[in-house]
Amino acid sequence: MSAENSSIPAQESSATSSSSQTPDPASYKVYKPPRTGHNSPRELPDDYFTPSAADLKAAQAALSARTQALTNAPFQARAVRETDEKAKRERWPETTIRIRFTDRMQLEKTFPSADKIRSVYAFVRNSLREDAKPSKFILYQPPKRDLKVSDPAVRDLSLAELQLAPSSVLLVRFLDESMNHPDYPAPLAESVIEHAEDLPTPPDFDNPNQQQPASKPSTSSSSKPSTTATGEKKIPKWLKLAGGKK
C-alpha cells in the first residue's frame, strides 16, 4: 500500500464510510461551479501580472518574516506557545472551511476551531454519494500542503493550530485519478446537490463607476469661514489687526 493510500487510517475510513446519513442542510452551504459567459472574469493584460518593485519588496519582507518565525519557533517557550494558541481560540472560536472539488463545486461548513482535521474529512465523506464514500481522498492546500490524517503533525492539531482559522479553502484530491479531472462532476449526494446555490459575485473594486458612500459634512466651525446673516464672510480679528499695521 502506498503512502497516499494510507492517508486515512482504517478506523476512520470505516467509521465515516459506514454512516449513510448526510449532513443537515442547515449546517452547511453548497455552491454551484462559477458560470461562464458574461459572468466569467474579464481577461487582464499580461502586464497586470507583472509584479512591481513594491510588490517584490513586500513579498520579500513577508518571506523573511515567515523564515524568521520558523527559525525561532523551536526556541519559543512552551508556555508562550500555549498562550498564543489560547488567544487564537478566544479570538476565533469557529473556523469556516470551504471544500473545492475539481469541477469547482464547493462545500462550506463552520467547525469549532478546537476540532481536528478528521471532522472535516468526516463531513466531506458523509456528503458524498454512497458509491463514492469508499473512495480515498486527501484534503490539501496548494501548492503542496497535504493535510493527511495519517500525519501525526496534522491529526493531533486543532484547526486553529493548523492555521486554518478563521477561514480557509481546501481542495480535494482523490486517489482515483479519474475522479480528479475538471470535467468529472463532484461526487456529492443528490440530497446535497439539490441545495446548491450560485456563488456570490465578488465586488468589482476596479470599477470607477462604483458608488462610494457619501462623506458626512463636517460640523466643525473651523472647516469653513463663518458668515454673517447677510452672507458676508467674517474676517478674523487677528487678520484685521495685521492689516491695520501696514
Protein backbone atom coordinates (compact mmCIF):
# COMPACT_ATOMS: atom_id res chain seq x y z
CA MET A 1 0.00 0.00 0.00
CA SER A 2 1.38 3.41 -0.98
CA ALA A 3 1.83 6.33 1.41
CA GLU A 4 -1.17 8.08 -0.11
CA ASN A 5 -3.34 5.00 0.23
CA SER A 6 -2.72 5.12 3.95
CA SER A 7 -3.58 8.81 4.20
CA ILE A 8 -6.80 7.97 6.02
CA PRO A 9 -6.46 5.48 8.89
CA ALA A 10 -8.50 2.30 8.60
CA GLN A 11 -10.54 3.05 11.68
CA GLU A 12 -11.57 6.49 10.44
CA SER A 13 -12.31 5.23 6.93
CA SER A 14 -14.66 2.57 8.21
CA ALA A 15 -16.31 4.94 10.68
CA THR A 16 -17.08 7.60 8.10
CA SER A 17 -17.96 5.30 5.21
CA SER A 18 -20.33 3.20 7.30
CA SER A 19 -22.52 6.22 8.01
CA SER A 20 -25.18 6.76 5.34
CA GLN A 21 -26.58 9.90 6.96
CA THR A 22 -25.84 13.05 5.00
CA PRO A 23 -25.22 16.31 6.88
CA ASP A 24 -28.13 18.51 7.94
CA PRO A 25 -28.65 21.07 5.13
CA ALA A 26 -28.95 23.82 7.72
CA SER A 27 -25.39 23.14 8.88
CA TYR A 28 -23.59 23.79 5.58
CA LYS A 29 -23.70 25.58 2.24
CA VAL A 30 -23.05 24.20 -1.22
CA TYR A 31 -22.15 26.38 -4.18
CA LYS A 32 -22.51 25.62 -7.86
CA PRO A 33 -19.45 25.93 -10.14
CA PRO A 34 -18.99 29.54 -11.32
CA ARG A 35 -20.88 30.17 -14.53
CA THR A 36 -19.04 31.01 -17.75
CA GLY A 37 -20.06 33.61 -20.28
CA HIS A 38 -20.99 37.14 -19.30
CA ASN A 39 -20.34 36.35 -15.64
CA SER A 40 -16.86 34.97 -16.25
CA PRO A 41 -13.91 37.06 -15.01
CA ARG A 42 -12.67 39.59 -17.55
CA GLU A 43 -9.32 38.92 -19.19
CA LEU A 44 -6.47 41.02 -17.88
CA PRO A 45 -3.42 42.22 -19.80
CA ASP A 46 -0.13 40.40 -19.27
CA ASP A 47 1.45 43.37 -17.52
CA TYR A 48 -1.27 43.10 -14.84
CA PHE A 49 0.52 40.01 -13.53
CA THR A 50 4.00 41.59 -13.60
CA PRO A 51 4.91 42.43 -10.01
CA SER A 52 6.06 45.94 -9.28
CA ALA A 53 9.11 46.80 -7.19
CA ALA A 54 6.82 47.46 -4.24
CA ASP A 55 5.17 44.03 -4.69
CA LEU A 56 8.54 42.29 -4.73
CA LYS A 57 9.69 44.22 -1.67
CA ALA A 58 6.52 43.30 0.24
CA ALA A 59 6.83 39.64 -0.79
CA GLN A 60 10.46 39.56 0.31
CA ALA A 61 9.57 41.13 3.66
CA ALA A 62 6.77 38.59 4.21
CA LEU A 63 9.10 35.71 3.30
CA SER A 64 11.80 36.99 5.64
CA ALA A 65 9.31 37.35 8.49
CA ARG A 66 7.99 33.83 7.93
CA THR A 67 11.51 32.37 7.74
CA GLN A 68 12.45 34.17 10.94
CA ALA A 69 9.33 32.86 12.67
CA LEU A 70 10.07 29.29 11.61
CA THR A 71 13.68 29.65 12.72
CA ASN A 72 12.71 30.94 16.14
CA ALA A 73 9.82 28.52 16.64
CA PRO A 74 11.88 25.71 18.24
CA PHE A 75 13.23 28.17 20.78
CA GLN A 76 9.88 29.60 21.74
CA ALA A 77 8.93 28.67 25.27
CA ARG A 78 6.09 26.18 25.57
CA ALA A 79 4.19 28.49 27.87
CA VAL A 80 4.34 31.27 25.28
CA ARG A 81 3.08 28.94 22.54
CA GLU A 82 0.19 27.80 24.72
CA THR A 83 -0.68 31.41 25.49
CA ASP A 84 -0.67 32.26 21.78
CA GLU A 85 -2.89 29.29 20.92
CA LYS A 86 -5.32 30.19 23.70
CA ALA A 87 -5.52 33.73 22.35
CA LYS A 88 -6.28 32.38 18.86
CA ARG A 89 -9.04 30.13 20.18
CA GLU A 90 -10.60 33.02 22.06
CA ARG A 91 -10.35 35.33 19.06
CA TRP A 92 -11.59 32.75 16.52
CA PRO A 93 -13.74 30.17 18.30
CA GLU A 94 -15.06 28.96 14.94
CA THR A 95 -13.39 28.12 11.63
CA THR A 96 -15.16 28.21 8.27
CA ILE A 97 -13.81 25.64 5.82
CA ARG A 98 -14.70 25.71 2.13
CA ILE A 99 -14.03 22.47 0.22
CA ARG A 100 -13.46 22.87 -3.52
CA PHE A 101 -13.85 19.95 -5.92
CA THR A 102 -12.14 19.72 -9.30
CA ASP A 103 -15.29 20.83 -11.15
CA ARG A 104 -15.31 23.90 -8.85
CA MET A 105 -18.37 22.81 -6.89
CA GLN A 106 -17.82 23.94 -3.32
CA LEU A 107 -18.96 22.84 0.13
CA GLU A 108 -18.77 25.17 3.11
CA LYS A 109 -19.19 24.43 6.80
CA THR A 110 -18.24 26.10 10.05
CA PHE A 111 -16.46 23.99 12.69
CA PRO A 112 -15.31 24.71 16.23
CA SER A 113 -11.69 25.84 15.98
CA ALA A 114 -10.79 23.19 18.57
CA ASP A 115 -11.89 20.40 16.18
CA LYS A 116 -9.31 18.21 14.44
CA ILE A 117 -8.99 17.79 10.68
CA ARG A 118 -10.79 14.42 10.89
CA SER A 119 -14.02 16.36 11.49
CA VAL A 120 -13.60 17.98 8.09
CA TYR A 121 -12.87 14.61 6.46
CA ALA A 122 -15.98 13.12 8.04
CA PHE A 123 -18.13 15.99 6.80
CA VAL A 124 -16.85 15.66 3.23
CA ARG A 125 -17.21 11.88 3.19
CA ASN A 126 -20.76 11.97 4.54
CA SER A 127 -21.62 14.47 1.79
CA LEU A 128 -20.58 12.06 -0.99
CA ARG A 129 -22.75 9.65 -2.95
CA GLU A 130 -22.95 6.15 -1.49
CA ASP A 131 -20.84 4.69 -4.31
CA ALA A 132 -18.17 7.38 -3.76
CA LYS A 133 -17.92 7.18 0.04
CA PRO A 134 -15.39 4.30 0.00
CA SER A 135 -13.07 6.34 -2.27
CA LYS A 136 -9.94 7.59 -0.52
CA PHE A 137 -9.16 11.29 -0.81
CA ILE A 138 -6.80 13.90 0.56
CA LEU A 139 -7.61 17.46 1.60
CA TYR A 140 -4.84 19.87 0.76
CA GLN A 141 -3.83 23.48 0.33
CA PRO A 142 -1.98 24.36 -2.86
CA PRO A 143 0.68 24.06 -3.83
CA LYS A 144 1.97 21.20 -1.69
CA ARG A 145 0.43 21.13 1.77
CA ASP A 146 -1.35 17.80 2.27
CA LEU A 147 -3.49 17.62 5.41
CA LYS A 148 -3.32 13.85 5.84
CA VAL A 149 -5.00 12.31 8.85
CA SER A 150 -2.19 9.73 8.95
CA ASP A 151 0.35 12.51 9.61
CA PRO A 152 0.86 12.93 13.40
CA ALA A 153 1.83 16.55 12.79
CA VAL A 154 -1.65 17.12 11.34
CA ARG A 155 -4.09 14.76 13.06
CA ASP A 156 -3.18 15.80 16.60
CA LEU A 157 -3.56 19.54 15.99
CA SER A 158 -6.71 21.61 16.10
CA LEU A 159 -7.92 23.60 13.13
CA ALA A 160 -6.61 26.73 14.84
CA GLU A 161 -3.21 25.14 15.38
CA LEU A 162 -3.16 24.14 11.71
CA GLN A 163 -3.51 27.85 10.88
CA LEU A 164 -6.88 27.25 9.21
CA ALA A 165 -8.80 29.70 11.41
CA PRO A 166 -10.78 31.84 10.92
CA SER A 167 -11.43 30.60 7.36
CA SER A 168 -9.65 28.51 4.72
CA VAL A 169 -10.21 26.89 1.34
CA LEU A 170 -9.18 23.23 0.98
CA LEU A 171 -9.03 21.28 -2.26
CA VAL A 172 -9.93 17.60 -2.72
CA ARG A 173 -7.64 15.08 -4.43
CA PHE A 174 -8.94 11.55 -4.89
CA LEU A 175 -6.56 8.64 -5.11
CA ASP A 176 -8.54 7.50 -8.14
CA GLU A 177 -7.10 9.91 -10.72
CA SER A 178 -10.19 9.59 -12.94
CA MET A 179 -12.11 11.50 -10.26
CA ASN A 180 -9.70 14.45 -10.38
CA HIS A 181 -10.48 15.55 -13.95
CA PRO A 182 -12.04 19.05 -14.22
CA ASP A 183 -14.93 17.54 -16.21
CA TYR A 184 -15.68 14.96 -13.52
CA PRO A 185 -18.74 16.15 -11.55
CA ALA A 186 -18.28 16.43 -7.81
CA PRO A 187 -19.48 13.05 -6.43
CA LEU A 188 -21.86 14.64 -3.96
CA ALA A 189 -25.10 13.08 -2.77
CA GLU A 190 -28.21 14.20 -4.62
CA SER A 191 -29.66 15.46 -1.34
CA VAL A 192 -26.64 17.77 -1.06
CA ILE A 193 -26.60 19.00 -4.66
CA GLU A 194 -30.27 19.94 -4.54
CA HIS A 195 -29.39 22.69 -2.05
CA ALA A 196 -26.69 24.19 -4.32
CA GLU A 197 -26.84 27.91 -4.90
CA ASP A 198 -24.89 30.34 -7.05
CA LEU A 199 -21.57 31.51 -5.72
CA PRO A 200 -21.88 35.13 -4.55
CA THR A 201 -20.44 37.61 -7.05
CA PRO A 202 -17.41 39.38 -5.61
CA PRO A 203 -17.45 43.19 -5.69
CA ASP A 204 -15.59 44.85 -8.58
CA PHE A 205 -13.20 47.20 -6.83
CA ASP A 206 -11.65 48.24 -10.18
CA ASN A 207 -14.93 49.73 -11.39
CA PRO A 208 -14.50 53.53 -11.38
CA ASN A 209 -18.27 53.96 -11.53
CA GLN A 210 -18.80 52.10 -8.28
CA GLN A 211 -20.60 54.45 -5.93
CA GLN A 212 -18.75 55.37 -2.78
CA PRO A 213 -20.59 56.24 0.42
CA ALA A 214 -21.09 59.96 0.70
CA SER A 215 -18.97 61.56 3.36
CA LYS A 216 -20.75 63.45 6.04
CA PRO A 217 -20.23 67.23 6.02
CA SER A 218 -18.00 68.45 8.78
CA THR A 219 -19.72 70.25 11.62
CA SER A 220 -16.52 71.87 12.83
CA SER A 221 -16.64 75.65 12.85
CA SER A 222 -13.07 75.77 11.57
CA SER A 223 -13.87 73.81 8.40
CA LYS A 224 -15.02 76.97 6.55
CA PRO A 225 -15.14 80.69 7.24
CA SER A 226 -18.12 81.83 9.25
CA THR A 227 -20.60 84.13 7.58
CA THR A 228 -22.92 86.84 8.75
CA ALA A 229 -26.66 86.85 8.28
CA THR A 230 -26.18 88.86 5.05
CA GLY A 231 -23.83 86.25 3.64
CA GLU A 232 -20.70 88.39 4.14
CA LYS A 233 -17.66 86.47 5.36
CA LYS A 234 -16.40 87.48 8.77
CA ILE A 235 -12.73 88.45 8.92
CA PRO A 236 -10.79 87.11 11.91
CA LYS A 237 -9.79 89.75 14.44
CA TRP A 238 -6.10 88.89 14.17
CA LEU A 239 -6.25 89.43 10.40
CA LYS A 240 -7.85 92.85 10.88
CA LEU A 241 -5.09 93.84 13.28
CA ALA A 242 -2.41 92.63 10.89
CA GLY A 243 -3.98 94.64 8.10
CA GLY A 244 -4.10 97.78 10.19
CA LYS A 245 -0.35 97.75 10.87
CA LYS A 246 0.70 98.27 7.26
